[in-house]
Amino acid sequence: MAVKEMYAIPSQWNTPHSKEDLEPTEIEFRNVGKCFPAKGKAEAPFAIREVNFKIRRGEVVSIIGPSGCGKSTILNMGSGLYRPSEGEVFVGGEAVVGPVRKVAFMLQKDLLMPWRSIRRNVELGLEIQGMAAAQRQPIAEDLLNRCHLQGFADHYPFQLSGGMRQRAALARTLAIDPQVLFLDEPFSALDAQTKMILQQDLARMLFEEKKTALFITHDLVEAIAMSDRLLVMSARPGTIIEEISVDLPFRDNPLERRKLPEIGPLAGRLMELLKVGEDTELH
């Protein structure tokens, strides 16, 4: 079971949680385990085991843990791409037994289709859903404007920088209006300055639209700056070893949250839990 740790902060920063506590549970993992047997084998070591957590509607929660502990496996099960070997996964109160329509994925690679314009890349999910072109175009244009890509709708991916391509990927992710976003290190390939700007854009959109997000990152400060809570995983077989509530202001403004003096101690605590700097085996 997870150990929950609450960090004491100045009283003027405390905000009432009654409203959040009334929000319904959007994502839930109940005693979830997953193993990947080799072909012809009935058994295999577990990648994750006894994973339990809940995420309320509108929350942003980050999962951190050592490489190979099963973080991406959790996202894949939440989206219905994998079935758990044991336990149950719920999204929106319904058991996940296949791909979930209300869920959208954003990865560290933009995966834009090179033969489609940026607008048509953003429209892709809507096109798959059968929406008419006349309805898709204004949605794509609005998102491109919000993602600071005005004037680039008719460009192609090779004509954009890495940061601009990732902005287009964010617009594509939001175009289908998902209630839940799974974010697997979406900014890890970007330079530090571009990363912080995109974090700011994403944080504001999540906050304004009250989206629920489960975020994977190896960047400890990024996790603190973007999240309401942190789930810390053990080495394989991964399980939740600690839950930390990030009871700090500016969740919609990670640039400001990064400046708070509490960031350092929180990052230090995460380093202790992850045993950063110790002579441990990498997986």
Protein backbone atom coordinates (compact mmCIF):
# COMPACT_ATOMS: atom_id res chain seq x y z
CA MET A 1 0.00 0.00 0.00
CA ALA A 2 1.14 3.53 -0.63
CA VAL A 3 2.43 5.68 2.18
CA LYS A 4 0.98 9.16 1.96
CA GLU A 5 3.17 12.09 2.96
CA MET A 6 1.85 15.62 3.45
CA TYR A 7 4.31 18.49 3.35
CA ALA A 8 3.73 21.33 5.78
CA ILE A 9 3.57 24.70 4.06
CA PRO A 10 2.82 28.26 5.15
CA SER A 11 -0.82 28.68 6.15
CA GLN A 12 -1.49 31.39 3.57
CA TRP A 13 -0.82 28.82 0.85
CA ASN A 14 -3.25 26.27 2.19
CA THR A 15 -6.37 26.00 0.08
CA PRO A 16 -9.56 24.16 1.06
CA HIS A 17 -9.88 20.71 -0.48
CA SER A 18 -13.62 20.20 0.06
CA LYS A 19 -14.46 20.94 -3.58
CA GLU A 20 -11.74 18.60 -4.90
CA ASP A 21 -12.75 15.89 -2.46
CA LEU A 22 -16.26 15.98 -3.93
CA GLU A 23 -15.00 15.41 -7.46
CA PRO A 24 -15.66 11.89 -8.78
CA THR A 25 -12.85 9.42 -9.25
CA GLU A 26 -11.69 9.51 -12.88
CA ILE A 27 -8.90 6.89 -12.83
CA GLU A 28 -8.56 3.97 -10.44
CA PHE A 29 -6.15 1.02 -10.22
CA ARG A 30 -7.17 -1.76 -7.83
CA ASN A 31 -4.48 -4.30 -6.93
CA VAL A 32 -3.17 -4.24 -10.50
CA GLY A 33 -0.34 -6.44 -11.69
CA LYS A 34 1.07 -7.08 -15.15
CA CYS A 35 3.49 -9.65 -16.49
CA PHE A 36 4.61 -10.38 -20.04
CA PRO A 37 5.10 -14.13 -20.60
CA ALA A 38 7.39 -15.08 -23.46
CA LYS A 39 5.90 -17.01 -26.36
CA GLY A 40 5.08 -20.53 -25.26
CA LYS A 41 5.56 -19.69 -21.59
CA ALA A 42 2.73 -19.66 -19.07
CA GLU A 43 4.52 -17.63 -16.43
CA ALA A 44 6.77 -14.58 -16.29
CA PRO A 45 8.09 -12.16 -13.68
CA PHE A 46 5.76 -9.27 -12.90
CA ALA A 47 6.61 -5.85 -14.31
CA ILE A 48 4.27 -4.19 -11.79
CA ARG A 49 2.35 -5.64 -8.89
CA GLU A 50 -0.20 -4.53 -6.26
CA VAL A 51 -0.58 -1.08 -7.79
CA ASN A 52 -3.34 0.90 -6.09
CA PHE A 53 -4.27 4.53 -6.59
CA LYS A 54 -7.15 6.87 -7.41
CA ILE A 55 -7.13 10.14 -9.35
CA ARG A 56 -10.03 12.58 -9.04
CA ARG A 57 -11.50 14.51 -11.94
CA GLY A 58 -9.42 17.59 -12.71
CA GLU A 59 -6.30 16.35 -10.92
CA VAL A 60 -2.83 16.20 -12.44
CA VAL A 61 -0.79 13.36 -10.96
CA SER A 62 2.79 12.47 -11.87
CA ILE A 63 4.37 9.04 -11.60
CA ILE A 64 8.10 8.91 -11.03
CA GLY A 65 10.31 5.91 -10.53
CA PRO A 66 13.48 4.19 -11.72
CA SER A 67 13.85 3.16 -15.33
CA GLY A 68 12.04 -0.09 -16.09
CA CYS A 69 9.70 0.04 -13.09
CA GLY A 70 6.53 -0.12 -15.21
CA LYS A 71 5.43 3.52 -15.50
CA SER A 72 4.54 3.28 -19.20
CA THR A 73 2.84 -0.06 -18.55
CA ILE A 74 0.45 1.74 -16.21
CA LEU A 75 -0.47 4.24 -18.94
CA ASN A 76 -0.97 1.46 -21.47
CA MET A 77 -3.36 -0.36 -19.12
CA GLY A 78 -5.22 2.85 -18.30
CA SER A 79 -5.83 3.48 -21.99
CA GLY A 80 -6.88 -0.11 -22.66
CA LEU A 81 -3.89 -1.08 -24.80
CA TYR A 82 -2.94 -3.77 -22.26
CA ARG A 83 -5.15 -5.87 -20.01
CA PRO A 84 -3.90 -6.35 -16.45
CA SER A 85 -2.71 -9.82 -15.48
CA GLU A 86 -4.39 -9.29 -12.13
CA GLY A 87 -6.58 -6.61 -10.58
CA GLU A 88 -8.84 -4.06 -12.25
CA VAL A 89 -8.48 -0.67 -13.95
CA PHE A 90 -11.31 1.87 -14.10
CA VAL A 91 -11.64 5.09 -16.11
CA GLY A 92 -14.70 7.27 -15.58
CA GLY A 93 -16.15 4.64 -13.26
CA GLU A 94 -16.13 1.93 -15.94
CA ALA A 95 -13.85 -1.10 -16.06
CA VAL A 96 -11.26 -0.86 -18.83
CA VAL A 97 -11.61 -3.85 -21.15
CA GLY A 98 -10.41 -2.22 -24.39
CA PRO A 99 -9.39 1.15 -25.85
CA VAL A 100 -11.07 4.03 -23.98
CA ARG A 101 -12.56 6.79 -26.15
CA LYS A 102 -12.35 9.50 -23.48
CA VAL A 103 -8.56 8.97 -23.12
CA ALA A 104 -5.86 10.63 -25.23
CA PHE A 105 -2.13 9.83 -25.29
CA MET A 106 0.80 12.21 -25.75
CA LEU A 107 4.28 10.72 -26.15
CA GLN A 108 7.82 12.07 -26.21
CA LYS A 109 7.82 11.69 -30.02
CA ASP A 110 5.35 13.90 -31.86
CA LEU A 111 4.49 11.17 -34.41
CA LEU A 112 3.10 13.73 -36.85
CA MET A 113 2.30 12.32 -40.27
CA PRO A 114 4.81 13.92 -42.66
CA TRP A 115 2.45 13.91 -45.67
CA ARG A 116 -0.29 15.82 -43.83
CA SER A 117 -0.27 19.56 -43.13
CA ILE A 118 -0.18 20.67 -39.51
CA ARG A 119 -3.90 21.44 -39.60
CA ARG A 120 -4.72 18.02 -41.02
CA ASN A 121 -2.52 16.37 -38.39
CA VAL A 122 -4.49 18.15 -35.68
CA GLU A 123 -7.75 17.08 -37.33
CA LEU A 124 -6.74 13.40 -37.51
CA GLY A 125 -8.64 12.15 -34.45
CA LEU A 126 -11.76 14.06 -35.43
CA GLU A 127 -11.53 12.66 -38.95
CA ILE A 128 -11.28 9.12 -37.56
CA GLN A 129 -14.38 9.83 -35.48
CA GLY A 130 -16.25 10.75 -38.67
CA MET A 131 -16.58 14.51 -38.15
CA ALA A 132 -17.13 16.51 -41.34
CA ALA A 133 -14.28 18.67 -42.64
CA ALA A 134 -16.30 21.86 -42.18
CA GLN A 135 -16.63 21.08 -38.47
CA ARG A 136 -13.04 19.91 -38.00
CA GLN A 137 -11.33 22.97 -39.42
CA PRO A 138 -12.47 25.60 -36.88
CA ILE A 139 -11.59 23.27 -34.00
CA ALA A 140 -8.10 22.74 -35.41
CA GLU A 141 -7.62 26.45 -36.08
CA ASP A 142 -8.66 27.37 -32.54
CA LEU A 143 -6.24 24.86 -31.01
CA LEU A 144 -3.39 25.95 -33.25
CA ASN A 145 -3.95 29.52 -32.09
CA ARG A 146 -4.02 28.44 -28.43
CA CYS A 147 -0.83 26.47 -28.96
CA HIS A 148 0.89 29.50 -30.52
CA LEU A 149 1.02 28.07 -34.03
CA GLN A 150 -0.85 30.84 -35.80
CA GLY A 151 0.14 30.98 -39.45
CA PHE A 152 1.52 27.44 -39.57
CA ALA A 153 -1.67 25.48 -40.31
CA ASP A 154 -0.65 24.81 -43.91
CA HIS A 155 2.99 24.01 -43.16
CA TYR A 156 4.29 20.44 -42.98
CA PRO A 157 6.08 18.83 -40.03
CA PHE A 158 9.54 19.04 -41.61
CA GLN A 159 9.16 22.82 -41.76
CA LEU A 160 8.69 23.17 -37.98
CA SER A 161 11.15 23.09 -35.09
CA GLY A 162 11.02 20.34 -32.50
CA GLY A 163 9.16 22.54 -30.04
CA MET A 164 6.62 23.60 -32.66
CA ARG A 165 6.05 20.00 -33.68
CA GLN A 166 5.37 19.09 -30.05
CA ARG A 167 2.91 21.99 -29.82
CA ALA A 168 1.14 20.54 -32.85
CA ALA A 169 1.07 17.14 -31.13
CA LEU A 170 -0.49 18.78 -28.06
CA ALA A 171 -3.15 20.41 -30.26
CA ARG A 172 -3.88 17.04 -31.89
CA THR A 173 -4.20 15.43 -28.44
CA LEU A 174 -6.69 18.05 -27.25
CA ALA A 175 -8.71 18.15 -30.50
CA ILE A 176 -10.83 15.13 -29.59
CA ASP A 177 -11.70 16.83 -26.26
CA PRO A 178 -10.55 13.97 -24.02
CA GLN A 179 -11.49 13.98 -20.36
CA VAL A 180 -8.30 12.06 -19.46
CA LEU A 181 -4.79 12.65 -20.80
CA PHE A 182 -1.94 10.18 -20.45
CA LEU A 183 1.38 11.96 -20.92
CA ASP A 184 4.49 9.81 -21.32
CA GLU A 185 7.52 12.12 -21.02
CA PRO A 186 6.09 14.50 -23.65
CA PHE A 187 8.82 17.11 -23.25
CA SER A 188 11.90 14.97 -22.62
CA ALA A 189 13.39 15.51 -26.09
CA LEU A 190 13.22 19.31 -25.93
CA ASP A 191 15.75 21.85 -24.75
CA ALA A 192 15.25 23.30 -21.26
CA GLN A 193 13.78 26.64 -22.31
CA THR A 194 11.34 25.18 -24.84
CA LYS A 195 10.35 22.53 -22.31
CA MET A 196 9.38 25.13 -19.70
CA ILE A 197 7.32 27.12 -22.19
CA LEU A 198 5.40 24.02 -23.28
CA GLN A 199 4.89 22.99 -19.65
CA GLN A 200 3.33 26.40 -19.08
CA ASP A 201 0.95 26.02 -22.04
CA LEU A 202 -0.10 22.52 -21.04
CA ALA A 203 -0.59 23.42 -17.37
CA ARG A 204 -2.86 26.32 -18.21
CA MET A 205 -4.97 24.29 -20.62
CA LEU A 206 -5.38 21.44 -18.12
CA PHE A 207 -6.35 23.89 -15.39
CA GLU A 208 -8.77 25.94 -17.49
CA GLU A 209 -10.54 22.92 -18.97
CA LYS A 210 -10.43 20.84 -15.76
CA LYS A 211 -8.85 17.89 -17.52
CA THR A 212 -7.53 14.89 -15.63
CA ALA A 213 -3.94 13.95 -16.41
CA LEU A 214 -1.56 11.16 -15.50
CA PHE A 215 1.98 12.28 -16.26
CA ILE A 216 5.20 10.28 -16.49
CA THR A 217 8.51 12.08 -16.19
CA HIS A 218 12.07 11.55 -14.99
CA ASP A 219 12.41 15.29 -14.35
CA LEU A 220 11.73 15.71 -10.63
CA VAL A 221 11.22 19.48 -10.75
CA GLU A 222 8.89 19.11 -13.74
CA ALA A 223 6.79 16.63 -11.75
CA ILE A 224 6.55 19.00 -8.77
CA ALA A 225 5.84 22.05 -10.94
CA MET A 226 3.02 20.38 -12.90
CA SER A 227 1.23 18.21 -10.36
CA ASP A 228 -1.28 18.04 -7.53
CA ARG A 229 0.20 14.75 -6.31
CA LEU A 230 3.23 12.55 -6.93
CA LEU A 231 3.21 8.76 -6.97
CA VAL A 232 6.66 7.25 -6.38
CA MET A 233 7.31 3.74 -7.67
CA SER A 234 9.79 1.12 -6.57
CA ALA A 235 12.13 -0.81 -8.83
CA ARG A 236 10.70 -3.81 -10.69
CA PRO A 237 8.28 -5.25 -9.94
CA GLY A 238 7.01 -1.70 -9.64
CA THR A 239 4.53 -0.69 -6.96
CA ILE A 240 3.59 2.61 -5.35
CA ILE A 241 5.87 3.15 -2.36
CA GLU A 242 4.90 6.70 -1.50
CA GLU A 243 2.29 9.31 -2.34
CA ILE A 244 3.20 12.98 -1.88
CA SER A 245 0.67 15.79 -1.98
CA VAL A 246 2.14 18.89 -3.64
CA ASP A 247 0.17 21.42 -1.62
CA LEU A 248 1.64 24.48 -3.31
CA PRO A 249 0.11 27.34 -5.33
CA PHE A 250 0.47 27.95 -9.06
CA ARG A 251 -0.42 24.56 -10.47
CA ASP A 252 -1.61 26.50 -13.51
CA ASN A 253 1.67 28.43 -13.62
CA PRO A 254 4.67 26.09 -13.33
CA LEU A 255 7.10 28.90 -14.13
CA GLU A 256 6.06 30.61 -10.90
CA ARG A 257 5.85 27.39 -8.90
CA ARG A 258 9.46 26.59 -9.81
CA LYS A 259 10.55 29.73 -7.91
CA LEU A 260 9.05 28.61 -4.58
CA PRO A 261 11.52 27.66 -1.80
CA GLU A 262 9.65 24.40 -1.13
CA ILE A 263 10.70 22.97 -4.50
CA GLY A 264 14.22 22.10 -3.33
CA PRO A 265 13.19 20.05 -0.26
CA LEU A 266 10.54 18.24 -2.27
CA ALA A 267 13.05 17.35 -4.98
CA GLY A 268 15.47 16.22 -2.28
CA ARG A 269 12.85 13.92 -0.80
CA LEU A 270 12.19 12.39 -4.21
CA MET A 271 15.92 11.85 -4.71
CA GLU A 272 16.04 9.97 -1.40
CA LEU A 273 13.10 7.77 -2.36
CA LEU A 274 14.63 7.02 -5.77
CA LYS A 275 18.07 6.48 -4.22
CA VAL A 276 19.62 8.88 -6.70
CA GLY A 277 23.40 8.71 -6.54
CA GLU A 278 23.54 5.34 -4.83
CA ASP A 279 25.37 2.48 -6.47
CA THR A 280 22.28 0.63 -7.64
CA GLU A 281 21.84 -1.58 -10.67
CA LEU A 282 20.16 0.06 -13.67
CA HIS A 283 17.41 -1.82 -15.52
